[in-house]
PDB file of all heavy atoms in Angstrom:
ATOM      1  N   GLU A   1      77.736  -5.581 104.063  1.00  0.00           N
ATOM      2  CA  GLU A   1      77.793  -5.148 102.664  1.00  0.00           C
ATOM      3  C   GLU A   1      79.211  -5.210 102.121  1.00  0.00           C
ATOM      4  O   GLU A   1      80.153  -4.711 102.727  1.00  0.00           O
ATOM      5  CB  GLU A   1      77.260  -3.724 102.551  1.00  0.00           C
ATOM      6  CG  GLU A   1      77.052  -3.285 101.120  1.00  0.00           C
ATOM      7  CD  GLU A   1      76.349  -1.949 101.026  1.00  0.00           C
ATOM      8  OE1 GLU A   1      75.454  -1.697 101.867  1.00  0.00           O
ATOM      9  OE2 GLU A   1      76.707  -1.181 100.137  1.00  0.00           O
ATOM     10  N   GLY A   2      79.359  -5.864 100.976  1.00  0.00           N
ATOM     11  CA  GLY A   2      80.653  -5.945 100.317  1.00  0.00           C
ATOM     12  C   GLY A   2      81.582  -7.000 100.890  1.00  0.00           C
ATOM     13  O   GLY A   2      82.723  -7.100 100.486  1.00  0.00           O
ATOM     14  N   GLU A   3      81.118  -7.795 101.853  1.00  0.00           N
ATOM     15  CA  GLU A   3      81.971  -8.800 102.498  1.00  0.00           C
ATOM     16  C   GLU A   3      81.548 -10.202 102.105  1.00  0.00           C
ATOM     17  O   GLU A   3      80.374 -10.487 101.939  1.00  0.00           O
ATOM     18  CB  GLU A   3      81.891  -8.683 104.026  1.00  0.00           C
ATOM     19  CG  GLU A   3      82.487  -7.432 104.569  1.00  0.00           C
ATOM     20  CD  GLU A   3      83.990  -7.334 104.377  1.00  0.00           C
ATOM     21  OE1 GLU A   3      84.677  -8.360 104.504  1.00  0.00           O
ATOM     22  OE2 GLU A   3      84.464  -6.229 104.101  1.00  0.00           O
ATOM     23  N   ALA A   4      82.517 -11.080 101.973  1.00  0.00           N
ATOM     24  CA  ALA A   4      82.244 -12.500 101.816  1.00  0.00           C
ATOM     25  C   ALA A   4      82.156 -13.091 103.219  1.00  0.00           C
ATOM     26  O   ALA A   4      82.420 -12.410 104.202  1.00  0.00           O
ATOM     27  CB  ALA A   4      83.379 -13.154 101.033  1.00  0.00           C
ATOM     28  N   LEU A   5      81.817 -14.360 103.317  1.00  0.00           N
ATOM     29  CA  LEU A   5      81.811 -15.007 104.617  1.00  0.00           C
ATOM     30  C   LEU A   5      83.212 -14.930 105.184  1.00  0.00           C
ATOM     31  O   LEU A   5      84.178 -15.313 104.538  1.00  0.00           O
ATOM     32  CB  LEU A   5      81.360 -16.468 104.488  1.00  0.00           C
ATOM     33  CG  LEU A   5      81.263 -17.233 105.802  1.00  0.00           C
ATOM     34  CD1 LEU A   5      80.278 -16.553 106.748  1.00  0.00           C
ATOM     35  CD2 LEU A   5      80.827 -18.657 105.553  1.00  0.00           C
ATOM     36  N   GLY A   6      83.351 -14.374 106.357  1.00  0.00           N
ATOM     37  CA  GLY A   6      84.661 -14.163 106.963  1.00  0.00           C
ATOM     38  C   GLY A   6      85.167 -15.385 107.699  1.00  0.00           C
ATOM     39  O   GLY A   6      84.433 -16.330 107.965  1.00  0.00           O
ATOM     40  N   MET A   7      86.439 -15.338 108.039  1.00  0.00           N
ATOM     41  CA  MET A   7      87.029 -16.374 108.873  1.00  0.00           C
ATOM     42  C   MET A   7      86.340 -16.314 110.234  1.00  0.00           C
ATOM     43  O   MET A   7      86.139 -15.223 110.771  1.00  0.00           O
ATOM     44  CB  MET A   7      88.529 -16.100 109.015  1.00  0.00           C
ATOM     45  CG  MET A   7      89.246 -17.031 109.937  1.00  0.00           C
ATOM     46  SD  MET A   7      90.985 -16.544 110.004  1.00  0.00           S
ATOM     47  CE  MET A   7      91.711 -18.145 110.034  1.00  0.00           C
ATOM     48  N   PRO A   8      85.928 -17.463 110.807  1.00  0.00           N
ATOM     49  CA  PRO A   8      85.264 -17.409 112.110  1.00  0.00           C
ATOM     50  C   PRO A   8      86.059 -16.575 113.114  1.00  0.00           C
ATOM     51  O   PRO A   8      87.273 -16.682 113.209  1.00  0.00           O
ATOM     52  CB  PRO A   8      85.203 -18.884 112.517  1.00  0.00           C
ATOM     53  CG  PRO A   8      85.100 -19.605 111.203  1.00  0.00           C
ATOM     54  CD  PRO A   8      86.027 -18.821 110.292  1.00  0.00           C
ATOM     55  N   GLY A   9      85.332 -15.729 113.816  1.00  0.00           N
ATOM     56  CA  GLY A   9      85.943 -14.831 114.785  1.00  0.00           C
ATOM     57  C   GLY A   9      86.169 -13.435 114.256  1.00  0.00           C
ATOM     58  O   GLY A   9      86.399 -12.505 115.019  1.00  0.00           O
ATOM     59  N   THR A  10      86.094 -13.260 112.930  1.00  0.00           N
ATOM     60  CA  THR A  10      86.239 -11.927 112.352  1.00  0.00           C
ATOM     61  C   THR A  10      85.098 -11.061 112.865  1.00  0.00           C
ATOM     62  O   THR A  10      83.941 -11.445 112.809  1.00  0.00           O
ATOM     63  CB  THR A  10      86.192 -11.986 110.813  1.00  0.00           C
ATOM     64  OG1 THR A  10      87.249 -12.820 110.353  1.00  0.00           O
ATOM     65  CG2 THR A  10      86.307 -10.603 110.196  1.00  0.00           C
ATOM     66  N   VAL A  11      85.429  -9.903 113.377  1.00  0.00           N
ATOM     67  CA  VAL A  11      84.407  -9.018 113.930  1.00  0.00           C
ATOM     68  C   VAL A  11      84.487  -7.671 113.215  1.00  0.00           C
ATOM     69  O   VAL A  11      85.564  -7.174 112.923  1.00  0.00           O
ATOM     70  CB  VAL A  11      84.544  -8.892 115.470  1.00  0.00           C
ATOM     71  CG1 VAL A  11      85.854  -8.280 115.872  1.00  0.00           C
ATOM     72  CG2 VAL A  11      83.399  -8.135 116.083  1.00  0.00           C
ATOM     73  N   MET A  12      83.318  -7.148 112.857  1.00  0.00           N
ATOM     74  CA  MET A  12      83.226  -5.906 112.085  1.00  0.00           C
ATOM     75  C   MET A  12      82.121  -5.041 112.658  1.00  0.00           C
ATOM     76  O   MET A  12      81.218  -5.548 113.318  1.00  0.00           O
ATOM     77  CB  MET A  12      82.888  -6.234 110.629  1.00  0.00           C
ATOM     78  CG  MET A  12      83.871  -7.161 109.953  1.00  0.00           C
ATOM     79  SD  MET A  12      83.322  -7.538 108.282  1.00  0.00           S
ATOM     80  CE  MET A  12      83.376  -5.909 107.574  1.00  0.00           C
ATOM     81  N   PRO A  13      82.167  -3.731 112.363  1.00  0.00           N
ATOM     82  CA  PRO A  13      81.081  -2.869 112.837  1.00  0.00           C
ATOM     83  C   PRO A  13      79.761  -3.283 112.197  1.00  0.00           C
ATOM     84  O   PRO A  13      79.738  -3.743 111.059  1.00  0.00           O
ATOM     85  CB  PRO A  13      81.483  -1.478 112.375  1.00  0.00           C
ATOM     86  CG  PRO A  13      82.656  -1.634 111.495  1.00  0.00           C
ATOM     87  CD  PRO A  13      83.156  -3.032 111.580  1.00  0.00           C
ATOM     88  N   GLY A  14      78.689  -3.150 112.943  1.00  0.00           N
ATOM     89  CA  GLY A  14      77.361  -3.391 112.395  1.00  0.00           C
ATOM     90  C   GLY A  14      76.895  -2.156 111.646  1.00  0.00           C
ATOM     91  O   GLY A  14      77.501  -1.096 111.732  1.00  0.00           O
ATOM     92  N   GLY A  15      75.832  -2.285 110.929  1.00  0.00           N
ATOM     93  CA  GLY A  15      75.319  -1.148 110.174  1.00  0.00           C
ATOM     94  C   GLY A  15      74.323  -0.327 110.961  1.00  0.00           C
ATOM     95  O   GLY A  15      73.681  -0.822 111.876  1.00  0.00           O
ATOM     96  N   SER A  16      74.209   0.900 110.651  1.00  0.00           N
ATOM     97  CA  SER A  16      73.238   1.880 111.162  1.00  0.00           C
ATOM     98  C   SER A  16      72.651   1.571 112.536  1.00  0.00           C
ATOM     99  O   SER A  16      71.528   1.117 112.662  1.00  0.00           O
ATOM    100  CB  SER A  16      72.108   2.077 110.155  1.00  0.00           C
ATOM    101  OG  SER A  16      71.411   0.873 109.946  1.00  0.00           O
ATOM    102  N   GLY A  17      73.428   1.848 113.569  1.00  0.00           N
ATOM    103  CA  GLY A  17      72.945   1.730 114.929  1.00  0.00           C
ATOM    104  C   GLY A  17      72.902   0.319 115.486  1.00  0.00           C
ATOM    105  O   GLY A  17      72.410   0.102 116.579  1.00  0.00           O
ATOM    106  N   ARG A  18      73.406  -0.642 114.751  1.00  0.00           N
ATOM    107  CA  ARG A  18      73.393  -2.025 115.208  1.00  0.00           C
ATOM    108  C   ARG A  18      74.705  -2.348 115.910  1.00  0.00           C
ATOM    109  O   ARG A  18      75.677  -1.621 115.810  1.00  0.00           O
ATOM    110  CB  ARG A  18      73.203  -2.970 114.015  1.00  0.00           C
ATOM    111  CG  ARG A  18      72.106  -2.557 113.079  1.00  0.00           C
ATOM    112  CD  ARG A  18      70.841  -3.256 113.076  1.00  0.00           C
ATOM    113  NE  ARG A  18      70.831  -4.607 113.518  1.00  0.00           N
ATOM    114  CZ  ARG A  18      69.723  -5.266 113.702  1.00  0.00           C
ATOM    115  NH1 ARG A  18      68.588  -4.671 113.488  1.00  0.00           N
ATOM    116  NH2 ARG A  18      69.728  -6.494 114.117  1.00  0.00           N
ATOM    117  N   GLY A  19      74.739  -3.470 116.606  1.00  0.00           N
ATOM    118  CA  GLY A  19      75.960  -3.916 117.255  1.00  0.00           C
ATOM    119  C   GLY A  19      76.930  -4.499 116.248  1.00  0.00           C
ATOM    120  O   GLY A  19      76.582  -4.729 115.091  1.00  0.00           O
ATOM    121  N   PRO A  20      78.163  -4.771 116.681  1.00  0.00           N
ATOM    122  CA  PRO A  20      79.141  -5.369 115.784  1.00  0.00           C
ATOM    123  C   PRO A  20      78.683  -6.763 115.362  1.00  0.00           C
ATOM    124  O   PRO A  20      77.890  -7.402 116.048  1.00  0.00           O
ATOM    125  CB  PRO A  20      80.414  -5.431 116.622  1.00  0.00           C
ATOM    126  CG  PRO A  20      79.958  -5.390 118.031  1.00  0.00           C
ATOM    127  CD  PRO A  20      78.681  -4.606 118.033  1.00  0.00           C
ATOM    128  N   VAL A  21      79.164  -7.218 114.217  1.00  0.00           N
ATOM    129  CA  VAL A  21      78.838  -8.553 113.724  1.00  0.00           C
ATOM    130  C   VAL A  21      80.100  -9.403 113.722  1.00  0.00           C
ATOM    131  O   VAL A  21      81.205  -8.902 113.508  1.00  0.00           O
ATOM    132  CB  VAL A  21      78.185  -8.516 112.326  1.00  0.00           C
ATOM    133  CG1 VAL A  21      76.826  -7.841 112.375  1.00  0.00           C
ATOM    134  CG2 VAL A  21      79.073  -7.837 111.304  1.00  0.00           C
ATOM    135  N   VAL A  22      79.920 -10.690 113.988  1.00  0.00           N
ATOM    136  CA  VAL A  22      81.042 -11.616 114.038  1.00  0.00           C
ATOM    137  C   VAL A  22      80.747 -12.798 113.115  1.00  0.00           C
ATOM    138  O   VAL A  22      79.627 -13.291 113.065  1.00  0.00           O
ATOM    139  CB  VAL A  22      81.325 -12.071 115.489  1.00  0.00           C
ATOM    140  CG1 VAL A  22      80.157 -12.821 116.089  1.00  0.00           C
ATOM    141  CG2 VAL A  22      82.578 -12.912 115.557  1.00  0.00           C
ATOM    142  N   ALA A  23      81.773 -13.195 112.365  1.00  0.00           N
ATOM    143  CA  ALA A  23      81.637 -14.343 111.466  1.00  0.00           C
ATOM    144  C   ALA A  23      81.644 -15.624 112.294  1.00  0.00           C
ATOM    145  O   ALA A  23      82.460 -15.795 113.195  1.00  0.00           O
ATOM    146  CB  ALA A  23      82.775 -14.362 110.454  1.00  0.00           C
ATOM    147  N   VAL A  24      80.713 -16.510 111.984  1.00  0.00           N
ATOM    148  CA  VAL A  24      80.668 -17.843 112.571  1.00  0.00           C
ATOM    149  C   VAL A  24      80.768 -18.845 111.426  1.00  0.00           C
ATOM    150  O   VAL A  24      80.845 -18.457 110.266  1.00  0.00           O
ATOM    151  CB  VAL A  24      79.399 -18.044 113.425  1.00  0.00           C
ATOM    152  CG1 VAL A  24      79.428 -17.135 114.650  1.00  0.00           C
ATOM    153  CG2 VAL A  24      78.142 -17.787 112.634  1.00  0.00           C
ATOM    154  N   ARG A  25      80.773 -20.101 111.737  1.00  0.00           N
ATOM    155  CA  ARG A  25      81.033 -21.128 110.723  1.00  0.00           C
ATOM    156  C   ARG A  25      80.196 -20.974 109.454  1.00  0.00           C
ATOM    157  O   ARG A  25      80.708 -21.123 108.359  1.00  0.00           O
ATOM    158  CB  ARG A  25      80.810 -22.503 111.342  1.00  0.00           C
ATOM    159  CG  ARG A  25      81.188 -23.614 110.427  1.00  0.00           C
ATOM    160  CD  ARG A  25      81.124 -24.958 111.068  1.00  0.00           C
ATOM    161  NE  ARG A  25      80.215 -24.977 112.201  1.00  0.00           N
ATOM    162  CZ  ARG A  25      79.812 -26.058 112.804  1.00  0.00           C
ATOM    163  NH1 ARG A  25      80.225 -27.219 112.394  1.00  0.00           N
ATOM    164  NH2 ARG A  25      79.000 -25.998 113.835  1.00  0.00           N
ATOM    165  N   ASP A  26      78.914 -20.663 109.581  1.00  0.00           N
ATOM    166  CA  ASP A  26      78.058 -20.634 108.402  1.00  0.00           C
ATOM    167  C   ASP A  26      77.259 -19.341 108.255  1.00  0.00           C
ATOM    168  O   ASP A  26      76.174 -19.338 107.710  1.00  0.00           O
ATOM    169  CB  ASP A  26      77.129 -21.842 108.394  1.00  0.00           C
ATOM    170  CG  ASP A  26      76.293 -21.932 109.665  1.00  0.00           C
ATOM    171  OD1 ASP A  26      76.464 -21.083 110.559  1.00  0.00           O
ATOM    172  OD2 ASP A  26      75.471 -22.844 109.757  1.00  0.00           O
ATOM    173  N   GLY A  27      77.792 -18.236 108.732  1.00  0.00           N
ATOM    174  CA  GLY A  27      77.103 -16.961 108.590  1.00  0.00           C
ATOM    175  C   GLY A  27      77.675 -15.898 109.507  1.00  0.00           C
ATOM    176  O   GLY A  27      78.848 -15.940 109.860  1.00  0.00           O
ATOM    177  N   TRP A  28      76.822 -14.962 109.895  1.00  0.00           N
ATOM    178  CA  TRP A  28      77.217 -13.841 110.760  1.00  0.00           C
ATOM    179  C   TRP A  28      76.213 -13.691 111.880  1.00  0.00           C
ATOM    180  O   TRP A  28      75.022 -13.935 111.694  1.00  0.00           O
ATOM    181  CB  TRP A  28      77.246 -12.542 109.948  1.00  0.00           C
ATOM    182  CG  TRP A  28      78.305 -12.509 108.900  1.00  0.00           C
ATOM    183  CD1 TRP A  28      78.223 -13.039 107.644  1.00  0.00           C
ATOM    184  CD2 TRP A  28      79.597 -11.923 108.998  1.00  0.00           C
ATOM    185  NE1 TRP A  28      79.388 -12.817 106.968  1.00  0.00           N
ATOM    186  CE2 TRP A  28      80.253 -12.133 107.774  1.00  0.00           C
ATOM    187  CE3 TRP A  28      80.263 -11.239 110.008  1.00  0.00           C
ATOM    188  CZ2 TRP A  28      81.544 -11.680 107.525  1.00  0.00           C
ATOM    189  CZ3 TRP A  28      81.546 -10.785 109.759  1.00  0.00           C
ATOM    190  CH2 TRP A  28      82.175 -11.006 108.540  1.00  0.00           C
ATOM    191  N   LEU A  29      76.683 -13.278 113.050  1.00  0.00           N
ATOM    192  CA  LEU A  29      75.816 -12.969 114.183  1.00  0.00           C
ATOM    193  C   LEU A  29      76.079 -11.541 114.629  1.00  0.00           C
ATOM    194  O   LEU A  29      77.227 -11.101 114.664  1.00  0.00           O
ATOM    195  CB  LEU A  29      76.099 -13.907 115.361  1.00  0.00           C
ATOM    196  CG  LEU A  29      75.699 -15.362 115.202  1.00  0.00           C
ATOM    197  CD1 LEU A  29      76.159 -16.166 116.414  1.00  0.00           C
ATOM    198  CD2 LEU A  29      74.203 -15.497 115.006  1.00  0.00           C
ATOM    199  N   GLU A  30      75.007 -10.846 114.990  1.00  0.00           N
ATOM    200  CA  GLU A  30      75.154  -9.512 115.581  1.00  0.00           C
ATOM    201  C   GLU A  30      75.271  -9.666 117.087  1.00  0.00           C
ATOM    202  O   GLU A  30      74.448 -10.336 117.721  1.00  0.00           O
ATOM    203  CB  GLU A  30      73.939  -8.645 115.259  1.00  0.00           C
ATOM    204  CG  GLU A  30      74.016  -7.288 115.936  1.00  0.00           C
ATOM    205  CD  GLU A  30      72.737  -6.496 115.842  1.00  0.00           C
ATOM    206  OE1 GLU A  30      71.828  -6.876 115.090  1.00  0.00           O
ATOM    207  OE2 GLU A  30      72.643  -5.477 116.557  1.00  0.00           O
ATOM    208  N   LEU A  31      76.297  -9.071 117.663  1.00  0.00           N
ATOM    209  CA  LEU A  31      76.417  -9.039 119.114  1.00  0.00           C
ATOM    210  C   LEU A  31      75.480  -7.949 119.619  1.00  0.00           C
ATOM    211  O   LEU A  31      75.552  -6.802 119.182  1.00  0.00           O
ATOM    212  CB  LEU A  31      77.854  -8.723 119.530  1.00  0.00           C
ATOM    213  CG  LEU A  31      78.924  -9.705 119.067  1.00  0.00           C
ATOM    214  CD1 LEU A  31      80.303  -9.227 119.513  1.00  0.00           C
ATOM    215  CD2 LEU A  31      78.647 -11.104 119.574  1.00  0.00           C
ATOM    216  N   GLU A  32      74.578  -8.306 120.525  1.00  0.00           N
ATOM    217  CA  GLU A  32      73.626  -7.332 121.052  1.00  0.00           C
ATOM    218  C   GLU A  32      74.031  -6.822 122.427  1.00  0.00           C
ATOM    219  O   GLU A  32      73.945  -5.634 122.704  1.00  0.00           O
ATOM    220  CB  GLU A  32      72.232  -7.951 121.133  1.00  0.00           C
ATOM    221  CG  GLU A  32      71.663  -8.307 119.781  1.00  0.00           C
ATOM    222  CD  GLU A  32      70.283  -8.928 119.891  1.00  0.00           C
ATOM    223  OE1 GLU A  32      70.060  -9.792 120.760  1.00  0.00           O
ATOM    224  OE2 GLU A  32      69.420  -8.525 119.095  1.00  0.00           O
ATOM    225  N   GLU A  33      74.446  -7.731 123.298  1.00  0.00           N
ATOM    226  CA  GLU A  33      74.836  -7.348 124.649  1.00  0.00           C
ATOM    227  C   GLU A  33      76.033  -8.197 125.074  1.00  0.00           C
ATOM    228  O   GLU A  33      76.045  -9.410 124.864  1.00  0.00           O
ATOM    229  CB  GLU A  33      73.673  -7.554 125.616  1.00  0.00           C
ATOM    230  CG  GLU A  33      73.939  -7.003 127.005  1.00  0.00           C
ATOM    231  CD  GLU A  33      72.730  -7.134 127.924  1.00  0.00           C
ATOM    232  OE1 GLU A  33      72.237  -8.257 128.100  1.00  0.00           O
ATOM    233  OE2 GLU A  33      72.300  -6.093 128.444  1.00  0.00           O
ATOM    234  N   VAL A  34      77.037  -7.544 125.654  1.00  0.00           N
ATOM    235  CA  VAL A  34      78.253  -8.240 126.094  1.00  0.00           C
ATOM    236  C   VAL A  34      78.632  -7.774 127.497  1.00  0.00           C
ATOM    237  O   VAL A  34      78.119  -6.767 127.987  1.00  0.00           O
ATOM    238  CB  VAL A  34      79.442  -7.997 125.127  1.00  0.00           C
ATOM    239  CG1 VAL A  34      79.147  -8.541 123.738  1.00  0.00           C
ATOM    240  CG2 VAL A  34      79.811  -6.527 125.060  1.00  0.00           C
ATOM    241  N   GLN A  35      79.552  -8.520 128.113  1.00  0.00           N
ATOM    242  CA  GLN A  35      80.078  -8.129 129.417  1.00  0.00           C
ATOM    243  C   GLN A  35      81.592  -8.326 129.384  1.00  0.00           C
ATOM    244  O   GLN A  35      82.082  -9.444 129.511  1.00  0.00           O
ATOM    245  CB  GLN A  35      79.458  -8.951 130.539  1.00  0.00           C
ATOM    246  CG  GLN A  35      79.941  -8.519 131.914  1.00  0.00           C
ATOM    247  CD  GLN A  35      79.229  -9.260 133.025  1.00  0.00           C
ATOM    248  OE1 GLN A  35      78.349 -10.088 132.794  1.00  0.00           O
ATOM    249  NE2 GLN A  35      79.609  -8.958 134.241  1.00  0.00           N
ATOM    250  N   PRO A  36      82.358  -7.236 129.192  1.00  0.00           N
ATOM    251  CA  PRO A  36      83.811  -7.348 129.196  1.00  0.00           C
ATOM    252  C   PRO A  36      84.315  -7.761 130.587  1.00  0.00           C
ATOM    253  O   PRO A  36      83.679  -7.454 131.600  1.00  0.00           O
ATOM    254  CB  PRO A  36      84.288  -5.931 128.871  1.00  0.00           C
ATOM    255  CG  PRO A  36      83.103  -5.233 128.300  1.00  0.00           C
ATOM    256  CD  PRO A  36      81.903  -5.875 128.925  1.00  0.00           C
ATOM    257  N   GLU A  37      85.446  -8.425 130.617  1.00  0.00           N
ATOM    258  CA  GLU A  37      86.041  -8.862 131.876  1.00  0.00           C
ATOM    259  C   GLU A  37      86.166  -7.692 132.849  1.00  0.00           C
ATOM    260  O   GLU A  37      86.666  -6.630 132.497  1.00  0.00           O
ATOM    261  CB  GLU A  37      87.426  -9.442 131.584  1.00  0.00           C
ATOM    262  CG  GLU A  37      88.117 -10.047 132.773  1.00  0.00           C
ATOM    263  CD  GLU A  37      89.432 -10.698 132.398  1.00  0.00           C
ATOM    264  OE1 GLU A  37      89.563 -11.218 131.272  1.00  0.00           O
ATOM    265  OE2 GLU A  37      90.328 -10.684 133.238  1.00  0.00           O
TER     266      GLU A  37
END
């Protein structure tokens, strides 16, 4: 909400209980599950 398409790699909090979202070339993806190093 309130954001334009971000620079690829831009990561922001997701809304209401969702995972963070990351800007990709033509939209946004929600990260659901990750494994940090």
